[in-house]
Amino acid sequence: MSTFILAFGLFSIVMVGMAIGVILSGRTIKGSCGGLNAVEGADHCLVCKKEIDPNSPLRERLECPRQRARREAAERAAG
């Protein structure tokens, strides 16, 4: 039982230390570039503000069915 208490205390101290380090660094938590930031027809990444590749296959996979149907209909009408 004393081993469990010692391990729990050690992990608690490490987690509190990491939390204090994040708080004192002043940086905000942010997501990765791309991924879900590429949805909803955005032209730029919501995190880093870089331009998103319009031909990315990720956009097609994450698109809702209504958006996909509208996009395909627009492509058929244009071409």
C-alpha atoms as a PDB file:
ATOM      1  CA  MET A   1       0.000   0.000   0.000  1.00  0.00           C
ATOM      2  CA  SER A   2       2.867   2.360   0.761  1.00  0.00           C
ATOM      3  CA  THR A   3       4.230   1.814  -2.773  1.00  0.00           C
ATOM      4  CA  PHE A   4       0.890   2.874  -4.242  1.00  0.00           C
ATOM      5  CA  ILE A   5       0.769   6.022  -2.099  1.00  0.00           C
ATOM      6  CA  LEU A   6       4.369   6.879  -2.999  1.00  0.00           C
ATOM      7  CA  ALA A   7       3.735   6.378  -6.741  1.00  0.00           C
ATOM      8  CA  PHE A   8       0.484   8.373  -6.587  1.00  0.00           C
ATOM      9  CA  GLY A   9       2.222  11.214  -4.763  1.00  0.00           C
ATOM     10  CA  LEU A  10       5.097  11.251  -7.247  1.00  0.00           C
ATOM     11  CA  PHE A  11       2.757  11.361 -10.243  1.00  0.00           C
ATOM     12  CA  SER A  12       0.697  14.084  -8.580  1.00  0.00           C
ATOM     13  CA  ILE A  13       3.785  16.227  -8.015  1.00  0.00           C
ATOM     14  CA  VAL A  14       4.874  15.759 -11.645  1.00  0.00           C
ATOM     15  CA  MET A  15       1.411  16.674 -12.987  1.00  0.00           C
ATOM     16  CA  VAL A  16       1.146  19.755 -10.778  1.00  0.00           C
ATOM     17  CA  GLY A  17       4.633  20.816 -11.888  1.00  0.00           C
ATOM     18  CA  MET A  18       3.718  20.446 -15.571  1.00  0.00           C
ATOM     19  CA  ALA A  19       0.471  22.381 -15.037  1.00  0.00           C
ATOM     20  CA  ILE A  20       2.325  25.229 -13.328  1.00  0.00           C
ATOM     21  CA  GLY A  21       4.852  25.267 -16.171  1.00  0.00           C
ATOM     22  CA  VAL A  22       2.086  25.596 -18.775  1.00  0.00           C
ATOM     23  CA  ILE A  23       0.340  28.330 -16.782  1.00  0.00           C
ATOM     24  CA  LEU A  24       3.536  30.340 -16.288  1.00  0.00           C
ATOM     25  CA  SER A  25       4.646  30.009 -19.921  1.00  0.00           C
ATOM     26  CA  GLY A  26       1.612  32.059 -20.993  1.00  0.00           C
ATOM     27  CA  ARG A  27       1.007  30.061 -24.165  1.00  0.00           C
ATOM     28  CA  THR A  28      -2.470  28.937 -25.084  1.00  0.00           C
ATOM     29  CA  ILE A  29      -3.363  25.395 -26.022  1.00  0.00           C
ATOM     30  CA  LYS A  30      -3.978  25.088 -29.760  1.00  0.00           C
ATOM     31  CA  GLY A  31      -4.824  22.319 -32.160  1.00  0.00           C
ATOM     32  CA  SER A  32      -2.778  20.998 -35.018  1.00  0.00           C
ATOM     33  CA  CYS A  33      -2.859  22.498 -38.479  1.00  0.00           C
ATOM     34  CA  GLY A  34      -5.203  20.914 -40.984  1.00  0.00           C
ATOM     35  CA  GLY A  35      -7.376  18.083 -39.727  1.00  0.00           C
ATOM     36  CA  LEU A  36     -10.707  19.401 -38.537  1.00  0.00           C
ATOM     37  CA  ASN A  37      -9.577  22.968 -39.248  1.00  0.00           C
ATOM     38  CA  ALA A  38     -10.013  22.176 -42.945  1.00  0.00           C
ATOM     39  CA  VAL A  39     -13.796  21.681 -42.751  1.00  0.00           C
ATOM     40  CA  GLU A  40     -16.667  24.087 -43.348  1.00  0.00           C
ATOM     41  CA  GLY A  41     -15.216  25.524 -46.540  1.00  0.00           C
ATOM     42  CA  ALA A  42     -12.578  27.657 -44.815  1.00  0.00           C
ATOM     43  CA  ASP A  43      -9.846  29.072 -47.032  1.00  0.00           C
ATOM     44  CA  HIS A  44      -7.284  29.368 -44.226  1.00  0.00           C
ATOM     45  CA  CYS A  45      -6.350  27.226 -41.223  1.00  0.00           C
ATOM     46  CA  LEU A  46      -8.037  28.435 -38.043  1.00  0.00           C
ATOM     47  CA  VAL A  47      -4.844  27.895 -36.031  1.00  0.00           C
ATOM     48  CA  CYS A  48      -1.887  29.053 -38.140  1.00  0.00           C
ATOM     49  CA  LYS A  49      -3.767  31.113 -40.772  1.00  0.00           C
ATOM     50  CA  LYS A  50      -2.004  29.334 -43.660  1.00  0.00           C
ATOM     51  CA  GLU A  51      -3.933  28.631 -46.843  1.00  0.00           C
ATOM     52  CA  ILE A  52      -5.644  25.223 -46.927  1.00  0.00           C
ATOM     53  CA  ASP A  53      -5.155  23.023 -49.981  1.00  0.00           C
ATOM     54  CA  PRO A  54      -8.533  22.998 -51.774  1.00  0.00           C
ATOM     55  CA  ASN A  55      -7.711  19.606 -53.356  1.00  0.00           C
ATOM     56  CA  SER A  56      -7.061  17.881 -50.029  1.00  0.00           C
ATOM     57  CA  PRO A  57      -8.863  14.505 -49.801  1.00  0.00           C
ATOM     58  CA  LEU A  58      -9.452  15.214 -46.107  1.00  0.00           C
ATOM     59  CA  ARG A  59     -11.976  17.932 -46.984  1.00  0.00           C
ATOM     60  CA  GLU A  60     -14.094  15.470 -48.955  1.00  0.00           C
ATOM     61  CA  ARG A  61     -14.085  12.862 -46.186  1.00  0.00           C
ATOM     62  CA  LEU A  62     -15.131  15.304 -43.458  1.00  0.00           C
ATOM     63  CA  GLU A  63     -17.758  17.121 -45.501  1.00  0.00           C
ATOM     64  CA  CYS A  64     -21.380  16.637 -44.470  1.00  0.00           C
ATOM     65  CA  PRO A  65     -23.628  14.948 -47.084  1.00  0.00           C
ATOM     66  CA  ARG A  66     -25.525  18.164 -47.875  1.00  0.00           C
ATOM     67  CA  GLN A  67     -22.310  20.073 -48.557  1.00  0.00           C
ATOM     68  CA  ARG A  68     -21.033  17.208 -50.700  1.00  0.00           C
ATOM     69  CA  ALA A  69     -24.267  17.107 -52.738  1.00  0.00           C
ATOM     70  CA  ARG A  70     -24.157  20.887 -53.287  1.00  0.00           C
ATOM     71  CA  ARG A  71     -20.498  20.768 -54.322  1.00  0.00           C
ATOM     72  CA  GLU A  72     -21.079  17.876 -56.735  1.00  0.00           C
ATOM     73  CA  ALA A  73     -24.123  19.622 -58.233  1.00  0.00           C
ATOM     74  CA  ALA A  74     -22.102  22.799 -58.741  1.00  0.00           C
ATOM     75  CA  GLU A  75     -19.306  20.792 -60.387  1.00  0.00           C
ATOM     76  CA  ARG A  76     -21.798  19.083 -62.746  1.00  0.00           C
ATOM     77  CA  ALA A  77     -23.380  22.430 -63.659  1.00  0.00           C
ATOM     78  CA  ALA A  78     -19.998  24.017 -64.314  1.00  0.00           C
ATOM     79  CA  GLY A  79     -18.567  21.194 -66.382  1.00  0.00           C
END
